[in-house]
C-alpha atoms as a PDB file:
ATOM      1  CA  MET A   1      -0.247   0.055  -0.160  1.00  0.00           C
ATOM      2  CA  PRO A   2       1.724   3.696  -0.859  1.00  0.00           C
ATOM      3  CA  GLN A   3       2.431   5.496   2.221  1.00  0.00           C
ATOM      4  CA  GLU A   4      -0.451   8.434   0.821  1.00  0.00           C
ATOM      5  CA  GLN A   5      -3.147   5.864   0.741  1.00  0.00           C
ATOM      6  CA  SER A   6      -2.010   4.548   4.032  1.00  0.00           C
ATOM      7  CA  LEU A   7      -1.984   8.539   5.915  1.00  0.00           C
ATOM      8  CA  LYS A   8      -5.354   8.971   4.079  1.00  0.00           C
ATOM      9  CA  ILE A   9      -6.751   5.468   6.071  1.00  0.00           C
ATOM     10  CA  THR A  10      -4.730   6.954   9.233  1.00  0.00           C
ATOM     11  CA  GLN A  11      -6.113   9.836   8.882  1.00  0.00           C
ATOM     12  CA  GLN A  12      -9.979   8.976   8.874  1.00  0.00           C
ATOM     13  CA  GLN A  13      -9.452   6.354  11.746  1.00  0.00           C
ATOM     14  CA  GLY A  14      -8.569  10.034  13.310  1.00  0.00           C
ATOM     15  CA  VAL A  15     -11.544  11.436  12.388  1.00  0.00           C
ATOM     16  CA  LEU A  16     -13.903   8.903  13.247  1.00  0.00           C
ATOM     17  CA  ASN A  17     -11.968   8.895  16.608  1.00  0.00           C
ATOM     18  CA  LEU A  18     -12.577  11.981  16.989  1.00  0.00           C
ATOM     19  CA  TYR A  19     -16.368  11.917  16.250  1.00  0.00           C
ATOM     20  CA  ASP A  20     -16.616   8.608  19.063  1.00  0.00           C
ATOM     21  CA  LYS A  21     -14.666  11.296  21.874  1.00  0.00           C
ATOM     22  CA  TYR A  22     -16.515  14.056  20.661  1.00  0.00           C
ATOM     23  CA  ALA A  23     -19.544  14.359  18.355  1.00  0.00           C
ATOM     24  CA  ALA A  24     -22.552  14.006  21.498  1.00  0.00           C
ATOM     25  CA  MET A  25     -20.120  16.938  23.230  1.00  0.00           C
ATOM     26  CA  LEU A  26     -20.364  19.328  19.939  1.00  0.00           C
ATOM     27  CA  LEU A  27     -23.761  18.313  19.013  1.00  0.00           C
ATOM     28  CA  GLY A  28     -24.942  19.249  21.973  1.00  0.00           C
ATOM     29  CA  TYR A  29     -23.062  22.928  22.016  1.00  0.00           C
ATOM     30  CA  ILE A  30     -24.338  23.551  18.640  1.00  0.00           C
ATOM     31  CA  PHE A  31     -28.066  22.676  20.029  1.00  0.00           C
ATOM     32  CA  GLU A  32     -27.628  24.988  22.531  1.00  0.00           C
ATOM     33  CA  ILE A  33     -26.583  28.182  20.145  1.00  0.00           C
ATOM     34  CA  VAL A  34     -29.068  27.428  17.224  1.00  0.00           C
ATOM     35  CA  LYS A  35     -31.853  25.394  19.258  1.00  0.00           C
ATOM     36  CA  ASP A  36     -33.248  23.341  16.503  1.00  0.00           C
ATOM     37  CA  ASN A  37     -31.682  19.210  15.931  1.00  0.00           C
ATOM     38  CA  GLU A  38     -31.624  18.894  12.247  1.00  0.00           C
ATOM     39  CA  LEU A  39     -29.685  22.418  12.148  1.00  0.00           C
ATOM     40  CA  ALA A  40     -27.856  21.391  14.172  1.00  0.00           C
ATOM     41  CA  GLU A  41     -26.829  17.932  12.909  1.00  0.00           C
ATOM     42  CA  GLN A  42     -26.435  19.569   9.617  1.00  0.00           C
ATOM     43  CA  TYR A  43     -23.743  22.156  10.803  1.00  0.00           C
ATOM     44  CA  MET A  44     -22.380  18.871  12.827  1.00  0.00           C
ATOM     45  CA  VAL A  45     -21.648  17.271   9.143  1.00  0.00           C
ATOM     46  CA  SER A  46     -20.131  20.815   8.186  1.00  0.00           C
ATOM     47  CA  ILE A  47     -17.887  20.912  10.636  1.00  0.00           C
ATOM     48  CA  PHE A  48     -16.554  17.454  11.194  1.00  0.00           C
ATOM     49  CA  LYS A  49     -15.619  17.789   7.140  1.00  0.00           C
ATOM     50  CA  SER A  50     -14.301  20.663   8.100  1.00  0.00           C
ATOM     51  CA  ILE A  51     -12.230  18.352  10.651  1.00  0.00           C
ATOM     52  CA  SER A  52     -11.074  16.388   7.895  1.00  0.00           C
ATOM     53  CA  GLU A  53      -9.865  18.752   5.639  1.00  0.00           C
ATOM     54  CA  GLN A  54      -7.867  20.578   9.025  1.00  0.00           C
ATOM     55  CA  TYR A  55      -7.041  17.181  10.742  1.00  0.00           C
ATOM     56  CA  HIS A  56      -3.165  18.029  11.097  1.00  0.00           C
ATOM     57  CA  ASP A  57      -4.076  21.177  12.397  1.00  0.00           C
ATOM     58  CA  ILE A  58      -6.461  19.985  15.211  1.00  0.00           C
ATOM     59  CA  LEU A  59      -3.934  17.143  16.369  1.00  0.00           C
ATOM     60  CA  LYS A  60      -1.210  20.079  16.952  1.00  0.00           C
ATOM     61  CA  ALA A  61      -3.758  21.775  19.076  1.00  0.00           C
ATOM     62  CA  ASP A  62      -2.941  22.317  22.700  1.00  0.00           C
ATOM     63  CA  ASN A  63      -7.005  21.207  23.819  1.00  0.00           C
ATOM     64  CA  THR A  64      -8.471  19.754  20.571  1.00  0.00           C
ATOM     65  CA  TRP A  65     -12.282  20.246  22.216  1.00  0.00           C
ATOM     66  CA  CYS A  66     -11.474  23.779  22.202  1.00  0.00           C
ATOM     67  CA  ARG A  67     -10.060  23.572  18.676  1.00  0.00           C
ATOM     68  CA  LEU A  68     -13.341  21.513  17.672  1.00  0.00           C
ATOM     69  CA  GLN A  69     -15.315  24.419  19.440  1.00  0.00           C
ATOM     70  CA  GLN A  70     -13.807  26.687  17.730  1.00  0.00           C
ATOM     71  CA  LEU A  71     -14.539  25.262  14.202  1.00  0.00           C
ATOM     72  CA  ALA A  72     -18.136  25.528  15.254  1.00  0.00           C
ATOM     73  CA  LYS A  73     -18.053  29.030  15.832  1.00  0.00           C
ATOM     74  CA  VAL A  74     -16.935  30.026  12.640  1.00  0.00           C
ATOM     75  CA  LYS A  75     -19.149  27.815  10.796  1.00  0.00           C
ATOM     76  CA  LEU A  76     -22.256  29.399  13.608  1.00  0.00           C
ATOM     77  CA  THR A  77     -20.959  33.175  12.701  1.00  0.00           C
ATOM     78  CA  ASP A  78     -23.568  33.760  10.348  1.00  0.00           C
ATOM     79  CA  PHE A  79     -26.183  32.068  12.786  1.00  0.00           C
ATOM     80  CA  VAL A  80     -25.446  33.868  15.683  1.00  0.00           C
ATOM     81  CA  LYS A  81     -25.001  37.282  13.597  1.00  0.00           C
ATOM     82  CA  THR A  82     -28.476  36.889  12.591  1.00  0.00           C
ATOM     83  CA  VAL A  83     -29.639  36.108  16.002  1.00  0.00           C
ATOM     84  CA  LYS A  84     -27.853  39.496  17.649  1.00  0.00           C
ATOM     85  CA  ASP A  85     -29.242  41.291  15.016  1.00  0.00           C
ATOM     86  CA  CYS A  86     -32.631  40.603  16.713  1.00  0.00           C
ATOM     87  CA  ASP A  87     -31.602  42.160  20.048  1.00  0.00           C
ATOM     88  CA  VAL A  88     -34.602  44.873  19.771  1.00  0.00           C
ATOM     89  CA  PRO A  89     -37.876  44.545  21.954  1.00  0.00           C
ATOM     90  CA  ALA A  90     -40.398  42.232  19.709  1.00  0.00           C
ATOM     91  CA  SER A  91     -42.434  44.017  19.394  1.00  0.00           C
ATOM     92  CA  THR A  92     -40.270  46.500  17.493  1.00  0.00           C
ATOM     93  CA  ILE A  93     -38.517  44.788  15.076  1.00  0.00           C
ATOM     94  CA  ILE A  94     -37.152  46.708  12.459  1.00  0.00           C
ATOM     95  CA  ILE A  95     -35.032  45.796   9.842  1.00  0.00           C
ATOM     96  CA  ASN A  96     -31.055  45.570  10.609  1.00  0.00           C
ATOM     97  CA  ALA A  97     -29.089  46.572   7.575  1.00  0.00           C
ATOM     98  CA  GLN A  98     -26.099  45.103   8.599  1.00  0.00           C
ATOM     99  CA  ASN A  99     -27.817  41.715   8.296  1.00  0.00           C
ATOM    100  CA  LYS A 100     -28.048  40.505   4.819  1.00  0.00           C
ATOM    101  CA  LEU A 101     -29.816  37.313   5.835  1.00  0.00           C
ATOM    102  CA  ILE A 102     -32.415  39.307   8.168  1.00  0.00           C
ATOM    103  CA  ASN A 103     -32.583  41.775   5.041  1.00  0.00           C
ATOM    104  CA  GLN A 104     -33.908  38.882   2.984  1.00  0.00           C
ATOM    105  CA  MET A 105     -36.543  37.774   5.307  1.00  0.00           C
ATOM    106  CA  ASN A 106     -39.910  39.582   4.832  1.00  0.00           C
ATOM    107  CA  MET A 107     -41.214  41.351   8.079  1.00  0.00           C
ATOM    108  CA  GLU A 108     -43.369  38.068   9.028  1.00  0.00           C
ATOM    109  CA  GLN A 109     -40.284  36.020   9.045  1.00  0.00           C
ATOM    110  CA  GLN A 110     -38.183  38.474  10.493  1.00  0.00           C
ATOM    111  CA  ASN A 111     -40.864  38.996  13.623  1.00  0.00           C
ATOM    112  CA  VAL A 112     -40.968  35.029  13.476  1.00  0.00           C
ATOM    113  CA  PHE A 113     -37.182  33.854  13.530  1.00  0.00           C
ATOM    114  CA  CYS A 114     -36.367  36.264  15.938  1.00  0.00           C
ATOM    115  CA  ALA A 115     -39.174  35.940  19.041  1.00  0.00           C
ATOM    116  CA  VAL A 116     -38.627  32.416  18.521  1.00  0.00           C
ATOM    117  CA  TYR A 117     -34.213  32.112  18.603  1.00  0.00           C
ATOM    118  CA  TYR A 118     -33.270  35.738  19.955  1.00  0.00           C
ATOM    119  CA  HIS A 119     -35.835  35.970  22.350  1.00  0.00           C
ATOM    120  CA  GLY A 120     -37.126  32.161  23.726  1.00  0.00           C
ATOM    121  CA  LYS A 121     -40.454  32.484  23.141  1.00  0.00           C
ATOM    122  CA  SER A 122     -42.410  28.836  21.979  1.00  0.00           C
ATOM    123  CA  ILE A 123     -43.728  28.175  18.510  1.00  0.00           C
ATOM    124  CA  ASN A 124     -46.787  27.377  20.739  1.00  0.00           C
ATOM    125  CA  LYS A 125     -46.705  30.552  22.763  1.00  0.00           C
ATOM    126  CA  LEU A 126     -45.867  33.081  19.792  1.00  0.00           C
ATOM    127  CA  ALA A 127     -48.965  31.836  17.343  1.00  0.00           C
ATOM    128  CA  VAL A 128     -51.391  32.822  20.535  1.00  0.00           C
ATOM    129  CA  GLU A 129     -49.505  36.438  20.554  1.00  0.00           C
ATOM    130  CA  LEU A 130     -49.670  36.444  16.264  1.00  0.00           C
ATOM    131  CA  ASN A 131     -53.408  35.221  16.568  1.00  0.00           C
ATOM    132  CA  LYS A 132     -52.091  32.638  13.924  1.00  0.00           C
ATOM    133  CA  SER A 133     -51.830  28.404  14.163  1.00  0.00           C
ATOM    134  CA  GLU A 134     -48.818  26.688  15.615  1.00  0.00           C
ATOM    135  CA  LEU A 135     -48.437  24.956  12.063  1.00  0.00           C
ATOM    136  CA  GLU A 136     -48.385  28.672  10.436  1.00  0.00           C
ATOM    137  CA  ILE A 137     -45.762  30.083  12.892  1.00  0.00           C
ATOM    138  CA  ARG A 138     -43.192  26.391  11.606  1.00  0.00           C
ATOM    139  CA  LYS A 139     -44.064  26.984   8.301  1.00  0.00           C
ATOM    140  CA  THR A 140     -42.758  30.624   8.820  1.00  0.00           C
ATOM    141  CA  LEU A 141     -39.638  29.709  10.641  1.00  0.00           C
ATOM    142  CA  LYS A 142     -38.584  27.057   8.909  1.00  0.00           C
ATOM    143  CA  GLU A 143     -38.966  29.253   5.820  1.00  0.00           C
ATOM    144  CA  ALA A 144     -36.461  31.997   7.470  1.00  0.00           C
ATOM    145  CA  PHE A 145     -33.904  29.077   8.054  1.00  0.00           C
ATOM    146  CA  LEU A 146     -34.106  28.068   4.625  1.00  0.00           C
ATOM    147  CA  ILE A 147     -32.996  31.906   3.807  1.00  0.00           C
ATOM    148  CA  ILE A 148     -30.449  31.669   5.965  1.00  0.00           C
ATOM    149  CA  ARG A 149     -29.247  27.902   4.781  1.00  0.00           C
ATOM    150  CA  LYS A 150     -29.213  28.738   1.204  1.00  0.00           C
ATOM    151  CA  ASP A 151     -27.509  32.220   1.722  1.00  0.00           C
ATOM    152  CA  ARG A 152     -24.343  29.293   3.299  1.00  0.00           C
ATOM    153  CA  GLU A 153     -24.543  27.448   0.535  1.00  0.00           C
ATOM    154  CA  HIS A 154     -24.128  30.349  -2.282  1.00  0.00           C
ATOM    155  CA  THR A 155     -20.635  31.880  -0.799  1.00  0.00           C
ATOM    156  CA  GLY A 156     -19.677  28.379  -0.162  1.00  0.00           C
ATOM    157  CA  VAL A 157     -20.034  28.235   3.870  1.00  0.00           C
ATOM    158  CA  HIS A 158     -21.153  24.642   5.246  1.00  0.00           C
END
């Protein structure tokens, strides 16, 4: 077996070992930020793709867990920035010209996204406040996430 192929197999095993050791903690860390299982899992896949690309740098890190958190923070930057731009009272949410993701959402999507992910309102509570069904709120929230996902795909950040 050529040395290059042997190194690749060793790297793949190393990534699997990192996954076995840190995946549950990393998924929990991501979930605490995004508050959505499916989205957290998507970020997790993206992060582990990065891990395989940056494997040797990760091995050199003094603290592997901290390095994995750093990778997660980089991947979550747009999401976190979007949530921070919701930092206004829920009743007076306005378009923030600084955040292209918020700007791409219509007013209803902005209100729902910010109320749920910044202000921590439950889908049920928000549905009552807005006099809409939970299904409508979930649909609007999903539309807002699609805007974020499409932007990440368009900019090449996965």
